[in-house]
Amino acid sequence: MKVMNIIVTSLKGGVGKSTTSIYLCAAAVERGYDPVTLIDADPQASAAEWLETWPCEGVTVIEAPSERTATRAMGRTEGLVVVDTPPGNERITQGIVALADAVVIPTRAGGVEYSRVLATLDLIPTGVPYGVVIVAARLGTNDLDAAIAWWKEQRVPVWGVIPERVAIAAGPEARLSREGIEGYDAVLHQALRGWI
């Protein structure tokens, strides 16, 4: 099976990279992809920690908290690989994104998000498909409508809108939701377009 590297990244922290990474893996397993690997390149290891508490059958987790360990792990895996990148580190992000087959950029509606996403877009190699996913979205609000319109004006594809109730919270309620898996399945579909 050909390797597919989906990089989940943003230079801004706290935008839902780990949540997005976990849900993309869960959606891939449901689609029947095997193997599915999550590489947690964030030193905080939120995705790895969550999956340790709530294992997702069919997903292998590799903690690789540096550019060197993450790119090495990407070179040793097969199948569908999702990489959760650290926030704010352009050098590491650029090294990982250089190996991308698709890039998913979680963001929120409004605020300071736009400039950090635009800086992230500058790191993506020419020809690599990418799209933003508006996470923690308050559906039906003017902020969400304005954000979608702004991204369309910038010619940045919006691959999905995920409601604010979809998250990886702490405690017993932290299991993945059906709504989240379905929403991220649509994002996965966009990322996989063109992959044979």
N, C-alpha and C. Protein backbone atom coordinates (compact mmCIF):
# COMPACT_ATOMS: atom_id res chain seq x y z
N MET A 1 0.84 -1.18 0.00
CA MET A 1 0.00 0.00 0.00
C MET A 1 0.88 1.24 0.00
N LYS A 2 0.53 2.19 -0.84
CA LYS A 2 1.25 3.45 -0.91
C LYS A 2 1.05 4.26 0.37
N VAL A 3 2.08 4.97 0.79
CA VAL A 3 1.98 5.81 2.00
C VAL A 3 1.28 7.12 1.66
N MET A 4 0.41 7.56 2.55
CA MET A 4 -0.26 8.85 2.43
C MET A 4 -0.02 9.61 3.71
N ASN A 5 0.71 10.73 3.63
CA ASN A 5 1.02 11.56 4.80
C ASN A 5 0.08 12.76 4.83
N ILE A 6 -0.80 12.78 5.81
CA ILE A 6 -1.68 13.93 6.03
C ILE A 6 -1.12 14.68 7.23
N ILE A 7 -0.73 15.93 7.00
CA ILE A 7 -0.14 16.74 8.06
C ILE A 7 -1.21 17.69 8.60
N VAL A 8 -1.41 17.65 9.91
CA VAL A 8 -2.35 18.56 10.58
C VAL A 8 -1.49 19.62 11.26
N THR A 9 -1.63 20.86 10.80
CA THR A 9 -0.70 21.88 11.28
C THR A 9 -1.32 23.26 11.34
N SER A 10 -0.76 24.07 12.19
CA SER A 10 -1.03 25.51 12.28
C SER A 10 0.07 26.08 13.15
N LEU A 11 0.53 27.25 12.81
CA LEU A 11 1.55 27.88 13.64
C LEU A 11 0.97 28.43 14.93
N LYS A 12 -0.35 28.46 15.03
CA LYS A 12 -1.01 28.93 16.26
C LYS A 12 -1.39 27.72 17.11
N GLY A 13 -1.21 27.84 18.39
CA GLY A 13 -1.60 26.77 19.30
C GLY A 13 -3.05 26.88 19.70
N GLY A 14 -3.59 25.79 20.24
CA GLY A 14 -4.94 25.80 20.78
C GLY A 14 -6.05 25.89 19.76
N VAL A 15 -5.77 25.46 18.52
CA VAL A 15 -6.79 25.58 17.47
C VAL A 15 -7.46 24.25 17.13
N GLY A 16 -7.06 23.17 17.78
CA GLY A 16 -7.72 21.90 17.52
C GLY A 16 -6.92 20.93 16.66
N LYS A 17 -5.59 21.06 16.65
CA LYS A 17 -4.78 20.13 15.86
C LYS A 17 -4.88 18.70 16.36
N SER A 18 -4.79 18.51 17.67
CA SER A 18 -4.85 17.16 18.23
C SER A 18 -6.23 16.55 18.01
N THR A 19 -7.27 17.31 18.27
CA THR A 19 -8.63 16.82 18.03
C THR A 19 -8.79 16.42 16.57
N THR A 20 -8.35 17.27 15.67
CA THR A 20 -8.45 16.98 14.24
C THR A 20 -7.67 15.72 13.88
N SER A 21 -6.47 15.58 14.40
CA SER A 21 -5.63 14.41 14.10
C SER A 21 -6.31 13.12 14.54
N ILE A 22 -6.83 13.11 15.76
CA ILE A 22 -7.47 11.91 16.29
C ILE A 22 -8.71 11.55 15.48
N TYR A 23 -9.53 12.52 15.21
CA TYR A 23 -10.75 12.25 14.44
C TYR A 23 -10.44 11.81 13.01
N LEU A 24 -9.42 12.37 12.39
CA LEU A 24 -9.05 11.92 11.04
C LEU A 24 -8.64 10.45 11.07
N CYS A 25 -7.88 10.06 12.09
CA CYS A 25 -7.48 8.65 12.22
C CYS A 25 -8.70 7.76 12.41
N ALA A 26 -9.61 8.16 13.27
CA ALA A 26 -10.82 7.37 13.52
C ALA A 26 -11.65 7.24 12.25
N ALA A 27 -11.76 8.33 11.49
CA ALA A 27 -12.51 8.28 10.23
C ALA A 27 -11.83 7.36 9.23
N ALA A 28 -10.51 7.36 9.20
CA ALA A 28 -9.77 6.48 8.28
C ALA A 28 -9.98 5.02 8.63
N VAL A 29 -9.97 4.70 9.93
CA VAL A 29 -10.22 3.31 10.35
C VAL A 29 -11.62 2.89 9.93
N GLU A 30 -12.59 3.76 10.12
CA GLU A 30 -13.96 3.43 9.72
C GLU A 30 -14.09 3.22 8.21
N ARG A 31 -13.26 3.91 7.44
CA ARG A 31 -13.26 3.71 5.99
C ARG A 31 -12.55 2.42 5.58
N GLY A 32 -11.90 1.77 6.54
CA GLY A 32 -11.24 0.50 6.27
C GLY A 32 -9.76 0.62 5.94
N TYR A 33 -9.16 1.78 6.16
CA TYR A 33 -7.73 1.91 5.91
C TYR A 33 -6.94 1.14 6.96
N ASP A 34 -5.91 0.45 6.49
CA ASP A 34 -5.09 -0.36 7.38
C ASP A 34 -3.71 -0.49 6.74
N PRO A 35 -2.67 -0.08 7.40
CA PRO A 35 -2.63 0.49 8.75
C PRO A 35 -2.90 1.99 8.76
N VAL A 36 -3.28 2.49 9.94
CA VAL A 36 -3.44 3.92 10.19
C VAL A 36 -2.49 4.26 11.34
N THR A 37 -1.64 5.25 11.12
CA THR A 37 -0.66 5.65 12.14
C THR A 37 -0.84 7.12 12.47
N LEU A 38 -0.85 7.43 13.76
CA LEU A 38 -0.84 8.82 14.21
C LEU A 38 0.55 9.10 14.76
N ILE A 39 1.24 10.07 14.16
CA ILE A 39 2.54 10.51 14.67
C ILE A 39 2.31 11.81 15.42
N ASP A 40 2.55 11.77 16.73
CA ASP A 40 2.37 12.95 17.57
C ASP A 40 3.72 13.66 17.69
N ALA A 41 3.88 14.72 16.91
CA ALA A 41 5.13 15.47 16.89
C ALA A 41 5.10 16.67 17.84
N ASP A 42 4.03 16.80 18.59
CA ASP A 42 3.91 17.89 19.55
C ASP A 42 4.49 17.43 20.89
N PRO A 43 5.46 18.16 21.45
CA PRO A 43 6.03 17.76 22.73
C PRO A 43 5.00 17.63 23.85
N GLN A 44 3.87 18.32 23.74
CA GLN A 44 2.81 18.19 24.75
C GLN A 44 2.16 16.81 24.69
N ALA A 45 2.23 16.14 23.55
CA ALA A 45 1.72 14.77 23.34
C ALA A 45 0.25 14.62 23.71
N SER A 46 -0.56 15.63 23.44
CA SER A 46 -1.99 15.56 23.77
C SER A 46 -2.69 14.42 23.03
N ALA A 47 -2.40 14.27 21.75
CA ALA A 47 -3.06 13.22 20.96
C ALA A 47 -2.66 11.84 21.47
N ALA A 48 -1.38 11.64 21.71
CA ALA A 48 -0.91 10.34 22.21
C ALA A 48 -1.51 10.04 23.58
N GLU A 49 -1.55 11.04 24.44
CA GLU A 49 -2.11 10.84 25.78
C GLU A 49 -3.59 10.49 25.71
N TRP A 50 -4.34 11.19 24.86
CA TRP A 50 -5.77 10.91 24.72
C TRP A 50 -5.97 9.49 24.21
N LEU A 51 -5.21 9.08 23.19
CA LEU A 51 -5.37 7.74 22.63
C LEU A 51 -4.89 6.66 23.59
N GLU A 52 -4.03 7.00 24.52
CA GLU A 52 -3.63 6.05 25.55
C GLU A 52 -4.80 5.79 26.51
N THR A 53 -5.55 6.84 26.80
CA THR A 53 -6.71 6.72 27.68
C THR A 53 -7.90 6.09 26.97
N TRP A 54 -8.14 6.51 25.73
CA TRP A 54 -9.26 6.02 24.93
C TRP A 54 -8.71 5.44 23.63
N PRO A 55 -8.19 4.24 23.66
CA PRO A 55 -7.60 3.65 22.44
C PRO A 55 -8.61 3.59 21.30
N CYS A 56 -8.12 3.85 20.12
CA CYS A 56 -8.93 3.77 18.90
C CYS A 56 -8.42 2.55 18.14
N GLU A 57 -9.20 1.48 18.15
CA GLU A 57 -8.76 0.24 17.52
C GLU A 57 -8.39 0.48 16.07
N GLY A 58 -7.20 0.00 15.70
CA GLY A 58 -6.73 0.17 14.33
C GLY A 58 -5.76 1.32 14.14
N VAL A 59 -5.54 2.13 15.20
CA VAL A 59 -4.63 3.27 15.10
C VAL A 59 -3.38 2.98 15.94
N THR A 60 -2.22 3.05 15.29
CA THR A 60 -0.93 2.94 15.98
C THR A 60 -0.43 4.35 16.26
N VAL A 61 0.05 4.58 17.48
CA VAL A 61 0.54 5.91 17.86
C VAL A 61 2.05 5.87 18.01
N ILE A 62 2.71 6.87 17.42
CA ILE A 62 4.15 7.04 17.56
C ILE A 62 4.39 8.45 18.10
N GLU A 63 5.05 8.55 19.25
CA GLU A 63 5.42 9.86 19.77
C GLU A 63 6.77 10.23 19.17
N ALA A 64 6.82 11.38 18.51
CA ALA A 64 8.03 11.83 17.82
C ALA A 64 8.13 13.34 17.95
N PRO A 65 8.55 13.85 19.12
CA PRO A 65 8.47 15.27 19.42
C PRO A 65 9.59 16.16 18.86
N SER A 66 10.12 15.82 17.71
CA SER A 66 11.10 16.70 17.07
C SER A 66 11.01 16.48 15.57
N GLU A 67 11.59 17.40 14.82
CA GLU A 67 11.58 17.25 13.36
C GLU A 67 12.27 15.94 12.96
N ARG A 68 13.40 15.67 13.57
CA ARG A 68 14.18 14.47 13.22
C ARG A 68 13.39 13.19 13.50
N THR A 69 12.81 13.09 14.70
CA THR A 69 12.09 11.87 15.04
C THR A 69 10.79 11.74 14.23
N ALA A 70 10.13 12.87 13.98
CA ALA A 70 8.88 12.82 13.20
C ALA A 70 9.15 12.42 11.75
N THR A 71 10.15 13.03 11.12
CA THR A 71 10.42 12.68 9.73
C THR A 71 10.95 11.25 9.62
N ARG A 72 11.71 10.82 10.61
CA ARG A 72 12.18 9.42 10.62
C ARG A 72 10.98 8.48 10.74
N ALA A 73 10.05 8.78 11.65
CA ALA A 73 8.86 7.94 11.81
C ALA A 73 8.02 7.92 10.53
N MET A 74 7.92 9.06 9.86
CA MET A 74 7.16 9.11 8.61
C MET A 74 7.79 8.22 7.55
N GLY A 75 9.10 8.12 7.55
CA GLY A 75 9.80 7.31 6.57
C GLY A 75 9.73 5.82 6.85
N ARG A 76 9.31 5.45 8.05
CA ARG A 76 9.27 4.03 8.43
C ARG A 76 7.86 3.48 8.53
N THR A 77 6.88 4.24 8.11
CA THR A 77 5.50 3.79 8.22
C THR A 77 4.92 3.52 6.84
N GLU A 78 3.79 2.88 6.84
CA GLU A 78 3.09 2.63 5.58
C GLU A 78 1.61 2.89 5.81
N GLY A 79 0.86 2.90 4.74
CA GLY A 79 -0.57 3.15 4.84
C GLY A 79 -0.88 4.62 5.02
N LEU A 80 -1.90 4.89 5.80
CA LEU A 80 -2.33 6.26 6.02
C LEU A 80 -1.69 6.78 7.31
N VAL A 81 -0.99 7.90 7.21
CA VAL A 81 -0.27 8.50 8.33
C VAL A 81 -0.82 9.90 8.57
N VAL A 82 -1.18 10.18 9.81
CA VAL A 82 -1.62 11.52 10.21
C VAL A 82 -0.58 12.04 11.20
N VAL A 83 -0.08 13.25 10.94
CA VAL A 83 0.93 13.84 11.81
C VAL A 83 0.35 15.08 12.50
N ASP A 84 0.37 15.05 13.83
CA ASP A 84 -0.06 16.18 14.66
C ASP A 84 1.19 17.00 14.98
N THR A 85 1.28 18.22 14.43
CA THR A 85 2.49 19.03 14.56
C THR A 85 2.42 19.96 15.78
N PRO A 86 3.60 20.42 16.23
CA PRO A 86 3.62 21.35 17.36
C PRO A 86 3.26 22.76 16.90
N PRO A 87 2.72 23.59 17.80
CA PRO A 87 2.40 24.97 17.44
C PRO A 87 3.64 25.86 17.49
N GLY A 88 3.62 26.89 16.68
CA GLY A 88 4.59 27.97 16.80
C GLY A 88 6.01 27.72 16.36
N ASN A 89 6.34 26.53 15.89
CA ASN A 89 7.72 26.25 15.51
C ASN A 89 7.81 26.10 13.99
N GLU A 90 8.14 27.20 13.33
CA GLU A 90 8.18 27.21 11.86
C GLU A 90 9.17 26.20 11.29
N ARG A 91 10.34 26.08 11.87
CA ARG A 91 11.37 25.19 11.33
C ARG A 91 10.90 23.74 11.36
N ILE A 92 10.40 23.29 12.50
CA ILE A 92 9.93 21.91 12.60
C ILE A 92 8.74 21.68 11.68
N THR A 93 7.81 22.62 11.69
CA THR A 93 6.62 22.49 10.85
C THR A 93 7.01 22.41 9.39
N GLN A 94 7.91 23.26 8.95
CA GLN A 94 8.32 23.26 7.55
C GLN A 94 8.98 21.93 7.16
N GLY A 95 9.81 21.37 8.04
CA GLY A 95 10.45 20.10 7.76
C GLY A 95 9.45 18.96 7.62
N ILE A 96 8.42 18.96 8.46
CA ILE A 96 7.40 17.92 8.40
C ILE A 96 6.48 18.13 7.20
N VAL A 97 6.07 19.36 6.97
CA VAL A 97 5.17 19.67 5.85
C VAL A 97 5.82 19.37 4.50
N ALA A 98 7.14 19.41 4.44
CA ALA A 98 7.84 19.10 3.19
C ALA A 98 7.56 17.67 2.73
N LEU A 99 7.12 16.80 3.65
CA LEU A 99 6.84 15.40 3.31
C LEU A 99 5.34 15.14 3.15
N ALA A 100 4.54 16.19 3.10
CA ALA A 100 3.08 16.05 3.08
C ALA A 100 2.55 15.63 1.72
N ASP A 101 1.50 14.81 1.77
CA ASP A 101 0.69 14.54 0.58
C ASP A 101 -0.57 15.39 0.62
N ALA A 102 -0.95 15.85 1.80
CA ALA A 102 -2.06 16.77 2.00
C ALA A 102 -1.87 17.44 3.35
N VAL A 103 -2.34 18.68 3.46
CA VAL A 103 -2.21 19.44 4.70
C VAL A 103 -3.59 19.92 5.13
N VAL A 104 -3.91 19.64 6.39
CA VAL A 104 -5.16 20.07 7.00
C VAL A 104 -4.80 21.12 8.05
N ILE A 105 -5.45 22.29 7.95
CA ILE A 105 -5.13 23.40 8.86
C ILE A 105 -6.37 23.75 9.69
N PRO A 106 -6.40 23.31 10.94
CA PRO A 106 -7.52 23.70 11.81
C PRO A 106 -7.42 25.18 12.16
N THR A 107 -8.56 25.83 12.23
CA THR A 107 -8.62 27.23 12.61
C THR A 107 -9.97 27.49 13.24
N ARG A 108 -10.13 28.65 13.76
CA ARG A 108 -11.42 29.05 14.33
C ARG A 108 -11.93 30.25 13.55
N ALA A 109 -13.16 30.58 13.73
CA ALA A 109 -13.75 31.71 13.03
C ALA A 109 -13.30 33.01 13.69
N GLY A 110 -12.71 33.91 12.88
CA GLY A 110 -12.39 35.25 13.36
C GLY A 110 -11.11 35.36 14.17
N GLY A 111 -10.97 36.52 14.81
CA GLY A 111 -9.84 36.78 15.69
C GLY A 111 -8.51 36.86 14.97
N VAL A 112 -7.46 36.43 15.67
CA VAL A 112 -6.10 36.51 15.13
C VAL A 112 -5.76 35.28 14.28
N GLU A 113 -6.73 34.45 14.06
CA GLU A 113 -6.50 33.20 13.34
C GLU A 113 -5.99 33.42 11.92
N TYR A 114 -6.52 34.40 11.22
CA TYR A 114 -6.22 34.55 9.80
C TYR A 114 -4.73 34.69 9.52
N SER A 115 -4.05 35.55 10.25
CA SER A 115 -2.64 35.79 9.96
C SER A 115 -1.78 34.56 10.21
N ARG A 116 -2.10 33.79 11.25
CA ARG A 116 -1.31 32.58 11.54
C ARG A 116 -1.57 31.49 10.50
N VAL A 117 -2.79 31.40 10.00
CA VAL A 117 -3.07 30.42 8.94
C VAL A 117 -2.36 30.83 7.66
N LEU A 118 -2.37 32.12 7.34
CA LEU A 118 -1.67 32.57 6.13
C LEU A 118 -0.18 32.29 6.23
N ALA A 119 0.40 32.47 7.42
CA ALA A 119 1.82 32.15 7.62
C ALA A 119 2.05 30.64 7.46
N THR A 120 1.11 29.83 7.92
CA THR A 120 1.20 28.38 7.76
C THR A 120 1.14 28.00 6.28
N LEU A 121 0.26 28.65 5.54
CA LEU A 121 0.13 28.36 4.11
C LEU A 121 1.44 28.60 3.36
N ASP A 122 2.20 29.59 3.82
CA ASP A 122 3.49 29.89 3.18
C ASP A 122 4.49 28.75 3.29
N LEU A 123 4.29 27.84 4.24
CA LEU A 123 5.21 26.72 4.46
C LEU A 123 4.90 25.50 3.59
N ILE A 124 3.74 25.50 2.96
CA ILE A 124 3.30 24.32 2.19
C ILE A 124 3.94 24.33 0.81
N PRO A 125 4.60 23.23 0.43
CA PRO A 125 5.22 23.16 -0.90
C PRO A 125 4.17 23.30 -2.01
N THR A 126 4.58 23.87 -3.11
CA THR A 126 3.71 24.03 -4.26
C THR A 126 3.21 22.67 -4.72
N GLY A 127 1.93 22.61 -5.03
CA GLY A 127 1.34 21.38 -5.54
C GLY A 127 0.77 20.46 -4.49
N VAL A 128 1.02 20.73 -3.22
CA VAL A 128 0.46 19.88 -2.15
C VAL A 128 -0.94 20.39 -1.83
N PRO A 129 -1.95 19.52 -1.91
CA PRO A 129 -3.31 19.97 -1.58
C PRO A 129 -3.44 20.34 -0.11
N TYR A 130 -4.25 21.37 0.16
CA TYR A 130 -4.46 21.82 1.53
C TYR A 130 -5.85 22.40 1.66
N GLY A 131 -6.32 22.45 2.89
CA GLY A 131 -7.59 23.08 3.18
C GLY A 131 -7.68 23.42 4.65
N VAL A 132 -8.50 24.42 4.95
CA VAL A 132 -8.74 24.77 6.35
C VAL A 132 -9.98 24.03 6.84
N VAL A 133 -9.98 23.76 8.13
CA VAL A 133 -11.13 23.18 8.81
C VAL A 133 -11.47 24.14 9.93
N ILE A 134 -12.67 24.68 9.88
CA ILE A 134 -13.09 25.61 10.93
C ILE A 134 -13.65 24.76 12.06
N VAL A 135 -12.91 24.74 13.19
CA VAL A 135 -13.28 23.91 14.33
C VAL A 135 -13.93 24.75 15.41
N ALA A 136 -14.57 24.07 16.34
CA ALA A 136 -15.26 24.75 17.45
C ALA A 136 -16.20 25.83 16.91
N ALA A 137 -16.85 25.51 15.79
CA ALA A 137 -17.69 26.49 15.10
C ALA A 137 -19.05 26.62 15.78
N ARG A 138 -19.47 27.84 15.94
CA ARG A 138 -20.83 28.10 16.41
C ARG A 138 -21.69 28.24 15.16
N LEU A 139 -22.39 27.18 14.87
CA LEU A 139 -23.16 27.11 13.63
C LEU A 139 -24.23 28.18 13.59
N GLY A 140 -24.43 28.75 12.39
CA GLY A 140 -25.48 29.75 12.20
C GLY A 140 -25.13 31.14 12.67
N THR A 141 -23.85 31.40 12.98
CA THR A 141 -23.48 32.74 13.46
C THR A 141 -22.88 33.57 12.34
N ASN A 142 -22.93 34.88 12.54
CA ASN A 142 -22.33 35.79 11.57
C ASN A 142 -20.82 35.61 11.49
N ASP A 143 -20.17 35.32 12.64
CA ASP A 143 -18.72 35.09 12.65
C ASP A 143 -18.34 33.93 11.74
N LEU A 144 -19.09 32.84 11.81
CA LEU A 144 -18.79 31.68 10.97
C LEU A 144 -19.02 32.01 9.51
N ASP A 145 -20.14 32.65 9.20
CA ASP A 145 -20.41 33.02 7.81
C ASP A 145 -19.33 33.95 7.26
N ALA A 146 -18.89 34.91 8.08
CA ALA A 146 -17.84 35.84 7.66
C ALA A 146 -16.52 35.12 7.44
N ALA A 147 -16.20 34.16 8.30
CA ALA A 147 -14.94 33.40 8.16
C ALA A 147 -14.94 32.58 6.88
N ILE A 148 -16.04 31.90 6.60
CA ILE A 148 -16.12 31.09 5.37
C ILE A 148 -15.99 31.99 4.15
N ALA A 149 -16.68 33.13 4.17
CA ALA A 149 -16.61 34.06 3.05
C ALA A 149 -15.19 34.60 2.87
N TRP A 150 -14.50 34.90 3.98
CA TRP A 150 -13.14 35.43 3.91
C TRP A 150 -12.20 34.41 3.29
N TRP A 151 -12.29 33.13 3.72
CA TRP A 151 -11.41 32.10 3.15
C TRP A 151 -11.69 31.91 1.67
N LYS A 152 -12.95 31.98 1.29
CA LYS A 152 -13.28 31.85 -0.13
C LYS A 152 -12.69 33.01 -0.94
N GLU A 153 -12.75 34.22 -0.39
CA GLU A 153 -12.14 35.37 -1.06
C GLU A 153 -10.63 35.19 -1.22
N GLN A 154 -10.00 34.55 -0.25
CA GLN A 154 -8.55 34.30 -0.30
C GLN A 154 -8.21 33.08 -1.17
N ARG A 155 -9.23 32.42 -1.69
CA ARG A 155 -9.07 31.20 -2.50
C ARG A 155 -8.40 30.07 -1.71
N VAL A 156 -8.76 30.00 -0.45
CA VAL A 156 -8.29 28.91 0.41
C VAL A 156 -9.47 27.97 0.61
N PRO A 157 -9.32 26.71 0.21
CA PRO A 157 -10.44 25.77 0.35
C PRO A 157 -10.82 25.54 1.82
N VAL A 158 -12.12 25.53 2.07
CA VAL A 158 -12.64 25.16 3.39
C VAL A 158 -13.08 23.71 3.26
N TRP A 159 -12.33 22.82 3.90
CA TRP A 159 -12.60 21.39 3.80
C TRP A 159 -13.63 20.90 4.80
N GLY A 160 -13.96 21.73 5.76
CA GLY A 160 -14.97 21.30 6.73
C GLY A 160 -15.25 22.34 7.78
N VAL A 161 -16.42 22.20 8.39
CA VAL A 161 -16.83 23.04 9.51
C VAL A 161 -17.28 22.06 10.60
N ILE A 162 -16.60 22.10 11.73
CA ILE A 162 -16.85 21.17 12.82
C ILE A 162 -17.48 21.94 13.99
N PRO A 163 -18.66 21.51 14.45
CA PRO A 163 -19.34 22.22 15.55
C PRO A 163 -18.52 22.24 16.83
N GLU A 164 -18.76 23.26 17.66
CA GLU A 164 -17.99 23.41 18.89
C GLU A 164 -18.17 22.26 19.86
N ARG A 165 -19.23 21.51 19.76
CA ARG A 165 -19.45 20.40 20.70
C ARG A 165 -18.57 19.19 20.40
N VAL A 166 -17.85 19.19 19.27
CA VAL A 166 -16.96 18.08 18.92
C VAL A 166 -15.57 18.39 19.45
N ALA A 167 -15.09 17.58 20.38
CA ALA A 167 -13.77 17.84 21.00
C ALA A 167 -13.25 16.55 21.62
N ILE A 168 -12.06 16.63 22.16
CA ILE A 168 -11.51 15.53 22.96
C ILE A 168 -11.31 16.05 24.38
N ALA A 169 -12.40 16.18 25.08
CA ALA A 169 -12.37 16.70 26.45
C ALA A 169 -11.86 15.64 27.41
N ALA A 170 -11.64 16.02 28.63
CA ALA A 170 -11.19 15.07 29.65
C ALA A 170 -12.38 14.37 30.27
N GLY A 171 -12.14 13.21 30.80
CA GLY A 171 -13.18 12.49 31.54
C GLY A 171 -13.95 11.50 30.70
N PRO A 172 -14.97 10.86 31.31
CA PRO A 172 -15.70 9.79 30.65
C PRO A 172 -16.42 10.24 29.38
N GLU A 173 -16.77 11.50 29.29
CA GLU A 173 -17.47 11.99 28.11
C GLU A 173 -16.52 12.22 26.94
N ALA A 174 -15.28 11.86 27.09
CA ALA A 174 -14.26 12.18 26.09
C ALA A 174 -14.24 11.24 24.88
N ARG A 175 -15.07 10.22 24.89
CA ARG A 175 -15.08 9.32 23.74
C ARG A 175 -15.42 10.10 22.48
N LEU A 176 -14.94 9.60 21.36
CA LEU A 176 -15.21 10.28 20.09
C LEU A 176 -16.70 10.22 19.77
N SER A 177 -17.22 11.31 19.27
CA SER A 177 -18.64 11.37 18.95
C SER A 177 -18.88 10.95 17.50
N ARG A 178 -20.05 10.39 17.27
CA ARG A 178 -20.45 10.00 15.91
C ARG A 178 -20.45 11.23 15.01
N GLU A 179 -20.96 12.34 15.52
CA GLU A 179 -21.01 13.58 14.73
C GLU A 179 -19.60 14.03 14.34
N GLY A 180 -18.66 13.89 15.27
CA GLY A 180 -17.28 14.28 14.98
C GLY A 180 -16.66 13.39 13.92
N ILE A 181 -16.86 12.08 14.03
CA ILE A 181 -16.29 11.16 13.04
C ILE A 181 -16.88 11.45 11.67
N GLU A 182 -18.17 11.69 11.60
CA GLU A 182 -18.81 11.99 10.30
C GLU A 182 -18.30 13.31 9.73
N GLY A 183 -18.16 14.33 10.58
CA GLY A 183 -17.66 15.62 10.11
C GLY A 183 -16.23 15.53 9.60
N TYR A 184 -15.40 14.81 10.34
CA TYR A 184 -14.01 14.67 9.93
C TYR A 184 -13.84 13.68 8.78
N ASP A 185 -14.81 12.78 8.59
CA ASP A 185 -14.77 11.92 7.41
C ASP A 185 -14.86 12.76 6.14
N ALA A 186 -15.67 13.80 6.17
CA ALA A 186 -15.77 14.70 5.01
C ALA A 186 -14.44 15.41 4.76
N VAL A 187 -13.74 15.78 5.84
CA VAL A 187 -12.42 16.41 5.71
C VAL A 187 -11.43 15.40 5.14
N LEU A 188 -11.46 14.18 5.65
CA LEU A 188 -10.58 13.12 5.16
C LEU A 188 -10.82 12.88 3.67
N HIS A 189 -12.07 12.89 3.26
CA HIS A 189 -12.39 12.71 1.84
C HIS A 189 -11.69 13.76 0.99
N GLN A 190 -11.70 15.00 1.44
CA GLN A 190 -11.02 16.08 0.70
C GLN A 190 -9.51 15.84 0.66
N ALA A 191 -8.93 15.44 1.79
CA ALA A 191 -7.48 15.21 1.86
C ALA A 191 -7.06 14.05 0.98
N LEU A 192 -7.91 13.05 0.84
CA LEU A 192 -7.55 11.85 0.07
C LEU A 192 -7.78 11.99 -1.42
N ARG A 193 -8.41 13.05 -1.86
CA ARG A 193 -8.68 13.21 -3.29
C ARG A 193 -7.39 13.14 -4.09
N GLY A 194 -7.37 12.29 -5.08
CA GLY A 194 -6.19 12.17 -5.92
C GLY A 194 -5.18 11.12 -5.45
N TRP A 195 -5.41 10.59 -4.23
CA TRP A 195 -4.49 9.55 -3.72
C TRP A 195 -4.94 8.21 -4.27
N ILE A 196 -4.02 7.48 -4.84
CA ILE A 196 -4.35 6.17 -5.41
C ILE A 196 -3.85 5.09 -4.49
